[in-house]
Amino acid sequence: QDIYKETLLYKEGATFPMKVPAGQLFVLGDNRTTAVDSRAFGTIPIQDTHGKVVTVLRRRGF
């Protein structure tokens, strides 16, 4: 049984692939089928957020 669900694109949402500009964040909700996040409204200014980084994920070669 697949645990992943297809991610639907929002009609007015961000286009992919995309580069996140310096000083901006791409945020994702934890329920990808119902979350309204950066896929819908694009990146947000980092100064508009509050939080603490607990993990950084990187691909090899970056």
N, C-alpha and C. Protein backbone atom coordinates (compact mmCIF):
# COMPACT_ATOMS: atom_id res chain seq x y z
N GLN A 1 0.85 -1.18 0.00
CA GLN A 1 0.00 0.00 0.00
C GLN A 1 0.89 1.24 0.00
N ASP A 2 0.61 2.16 -0.93
CA ASP A 2 1.36 3.41 -0.98
C ASP A 2 1.00 4.29 0.20
N ILE A 3 2.03 4.91 0.78
CA ILE A 3 1.77 5.85 1.86
C ILE A 3 1.80 7.28 1.36
N TYR A 4 2.21 7.47 0.12
CA TYR A 4 2.30 8.82 -0.45
C TYR A 4 1.08 9.12 -1.29
N LYS A 5 0.67 10.36 -1.23
CA LYS A 5 -0.46 10.82 -2.04
C LYS A 5 0.04 11.84 -3.04
N GLU A 6 -0.63 11.91 -4.17
CA GLU A 6 -0.26 12.87 -5.20
C GLU A 6 -0.46 14.29 -4.67
N THR A 7 0.49 15.16 -4.97
CA THR A 7 0.36 16.57 -4.60
C THR A 7 -0.28 17.31 -5.76
N LEU A 8 -1.42 17.89 -5.51
CA LEU A 8 -2.12 18.64 -6.54
C LEU A 8 -1.60 20.07 -6.55
N LEU A 9 -1.48 20.64 -7.75
CA LEU A 9 -1.04 22.03 -7.86
C LEU A 9 -2.21 22.96 -7.63
N TYR A 10 -1.95 24.07 -6.95
CA TYR A 10 -2.97 25.08 -6.75
C TYR A 10 -3.09 25.91 -8.02
N LYS A 11 -4.29 26.31 -8.37
CA LYS A 11 -4.54 27.06 -9.60
C LYS A 11 -3.70 28.33 -9.66
N GLU A 12 -3.60 29.08 -8.59
CA GLU A 12 -2.85 30.34 -8.55
C GLU A 12 -1.54 30.17 -7.77
N GLY A 13 -1.09 28.95 -7.58
CA GLY A 13 0.06 28.69 -6.73
C GLY A 13 1.41 28.87 -7.39
N ALA A 14 2.43 28.49 -6.65
CA ALA A 14 3.82 28.58 -7.10
C ALA A 14 4.03 27.63 -8.28
N THR A 15 5.00 27.96 -9.13
CA THR A 15 5.36 27.08 -10.24
C THR A 15 6.68 26.39 -9.91
N PHE A 16 6.84 25.18 -10.40
CA PHE A 16 8.01 24.38 -10.08
C PHE A 16 8.70 23.94 -11.35
N PRO A 17 10.01 23.70 -11.32
CA PRO A 17 10.88 23.89 -10.15
C PRO A 17 11.03 25.38 -9.85
N MET A 18 11.39 25.68 -8.61
CA MET A 18 11.57 27.07 -8.21
C MET A 18 12.81 27.20 -7.35
N LYS A 19 13.39 28.38 -7.33
CA LYS A 19 14.51 28.70 -6.46
C LYS A 19 13.99 29.62 -5.38
N VAL A 20 14.31 29.30 -4.13
CA VAL A 20 13.89 30.15 -3.02
C VAL A 20 14.89 31.29 -2.90
N PRO A 21 14.41 32.54 -3.04
CA PRO A 21 15.32 33.69 -2.97
C PRO A 21 15.94 33.85 -1.59
N ALA A 22 17.09 34.50 -1.54
CA ALA A 22 17.74 34.80 -0.25
C ALA A 22 16.77 35.61 0.60
N GLY A 23 16.73 35.30 1.89
CA GLY A 23 15.86 36.02 2.81
C GLY A 23 14.41 35.55 2.80
N GLN A 24 14.13 34.47 2.07
CA GLN A 24 12.77 33.93 1.97
C GLN A 24 12.76 32.48 2.45
N LEU A 25 11.58 31.98 2.80
CA LEU A 25 11.40 30.58 3.19
C LEU A 25 10.29 29.96 2.36
N PHE A 26 10.43 28.67 2.09
CA PHE A 26 9.38 27.88 1.46
C PHE A 26 8.84 26.99 2.56
N VAL A 27 7.60 27.20 2.98
CA VAL A 27 7.05 26.46 4.12
C VAL A 27 6.04 25.42 3.63
N LEU A 28 6.03 24.27 4.31
CA LEU A 28 5.11 23.19 3.97
C LEU A 28 4.33 22.77 5.21
N GLY A 29 3.04 22.54 5.02
CA GLY A 29 2.22 22.00 6.10
C GLY A 29 2.47 20.51 6.26
N ASP A 30 2.08 19.96 7.39
CA ASP A 30 2.35 18.54 7.64
C ASP A 30 1.29 17.61 7.06
N ASN A 31 0.22 18.13 6.51
CA ASN A 31 -0.78 17.31 5.84
C ASN A 31 -0.88 17.79 4.40
N ARG A 32 -0.08 17.20 3.53
CA ARG A 32 0.10 17.75 2.19
C ARG A 32 -1.16 17.77 1.34
N THR A 33 -2.15 16.96 1.65
CA THR A 33 -3.37 16.97 0.83
C THR A 33 -4.33 18.09 1.22
N THR A 34 -4.22 18.64 2.43
CA THR A 34 -5.14 19.70 2.85
C THR A 34 -4.43 20.98 3.28
N ALA A 35 -3.12 20.98 3.37
CA ALA A 35 -2.39 22.16 3.84
C ALA A 35 -2.41 23.27 2.79
N VAL A 36 -2.54 24.49 3.26
CA VAL A 36 -2.38 25.67 2.40
C VAL A 36 -1.07 26.29 2.82
N ASP A 37 -0.06 26.16 1.98
CA ASP A 37 1.30 26.55 2.35
C ASP A 37 1.98 27.22 1.16
N SER A 38 3.30 27.17 1.09
CA SER A 38 4.03 27.86 0.02
C SER A 38 3.71 27.32 -1.37
N ARG A 39 3.14 26.13 -1.45
CA ARG A 39 2.70 25.64 -2.76
C ARG A 39 1.55 26.49 -3.28
N ALA A 40 0.79 27.11 -2.36
CA ALA A 40 -0.34 27.95 -2.74
C ALA A 40 0.03 29.42 -2.84
N PHE A 41 0.82 29.91 -1.88
CA PHE A 41 1.07 31.35 -1.84
C PHE A 41 2.52 31.75 -2.03
N GLY A 42 3.39 30.81 -2.36
CA GLY A 42 4.79 31.15 -2.63
C GLY A 42 5.62 31.30 -1.36
N THR A 43 6.80 31.87 -1.52
CA THR A 43 7.73 32.01 -0.40
C THR A 43 7.29 33.15 0.51
N ILE A 44 7.82 33.14 1.74
CA ILE A 44 7.52 34.20 2.70
C ILE A 44 8.82 34.80 3.22
N PRO A 45 8.80 36.08 3.62
CA PRO A 45 10.01 36.70 4.16
C PRO A 45 10.41 36.04 5.48
N ILE A 46 11.69 35.75 5.63
CA ILE A 46 12.17 35.08 6.84
C ILE A 46 11.89 35.90 8.09
N GLN A 47 11.88 37.24 7.98
CA GLN A 47 11.64 38.07 9.16
C GLN A 47 10.18 38.00 9.62
N ASP A 48 9.30 37.43 8.81
CA ASP A 48 7.89 37.27 9.20
C ASP A 48 7.64 35.96 9.94
N THR A 49 8.69 35.23 10.28
CA THR A 49 8.53 33.93 10.94
C THR A 49 9.20 33.94 12.31
N HIS A 50 8.74 33.03 13.15
CA HIS A 50 9.34 32.81 14.47
C HIS A 50 9.48 31.30 14.63
N GLY A 51 10.60 30.86 15.12
CA GLY A 51 10.78 29.44 15.30
C GLY A 51 12.22 29.07 15.55
N LYS A 52 12.47 27.79 15.61
CA LYS A 52 13.80 27.27 15.89
C LYS A 52 14.08 26.13 14.92
N VAL A 53 15.23 26.18 14.26
CA VAL A 53 15.62 25.10 13.35
C VAL A 53 16.02 23.89 14.19
N VAL A 54 15.42 22.74 13.92
CA VAL A 54 15.77 21.53 14.64
C VAL A 54 16.47 20.51 13.75
N THR A 55 16.28 20.60 12.43
CA THR A 55 16.94 19.69 11.49
C THR A 55 17.13 20.41 10.16
N VAL A 56 18.27 20.17 9.54
CA VAL A 56 18.52 20.68 8.20
C VAL A 56 18.76 19.47 7.30
N LEU A 57 17.96 19.34 6.26
CA LEU A 57 18.11 18.24 5.31
C LEU A 57 18.81 18.74 4.07
N ARG A 58 19.83 18.03 3.64
CA ARG A 58 20.57 18.42 2.44
C ARG A 58 20.80 17.21 1.56
N ARG A 59 20.82 17.48 0.27
CA ARG A 59 21.17 16.42 -0.67
C ARG A 59 22.68 16.41 -0.84
N ARG A 60 23.21 15.27 -1.18
CA ARG A 60 24.65 15.18 -1.45
C ARG A 60 25.03 16.09 -2.58
N GLY A 61 26.19 16.73 -2.45
CA GLY A 61 26.67 17.61 -3.50
C GLY A 61 26.23 19.05 -3.34
N PHE A 62 25.48 19.35 -2.27
CA PHE A 62 25.04 20.73 -2.05
C PHE A 62 25.73 21.29 -0.82
